[in-house]
Amino acid sequence: MPFPLPLPFQSVDGQTTGVLQPEPTITCIDCGGRCHLLTHPTEDGIWLPGDIVAYRCEDCRDRWDLVLPDDDESGESEHGTRDHW
């Protein structure tokens, strides 16, 4: 059964923002291979900032657990410092 399309989520100020969707594949930083998304969306199909998603590399088999970023395009945290992985 396919998942329903996620709806746009609303920020704290009530403005509708874009649909947050994790990439189905990312590049492994260890070997350069392709990592595939392991995590399924919740029943409502909506991904939120702060959700943790897991990827597995098809080459070296490393697992990557990543936190979905918030809607802040600047990459800065609420404290004015740059977020790093």
Foldseek 3Di string as FASTA:
>chain_A
DDADDADFDADPVGDTDDADDDDQWDADPPPRAIWGWDDADPNNRGDAFQDWTWTAGPPPRDIDIDTHHHPDPVCADPVRHHDDD
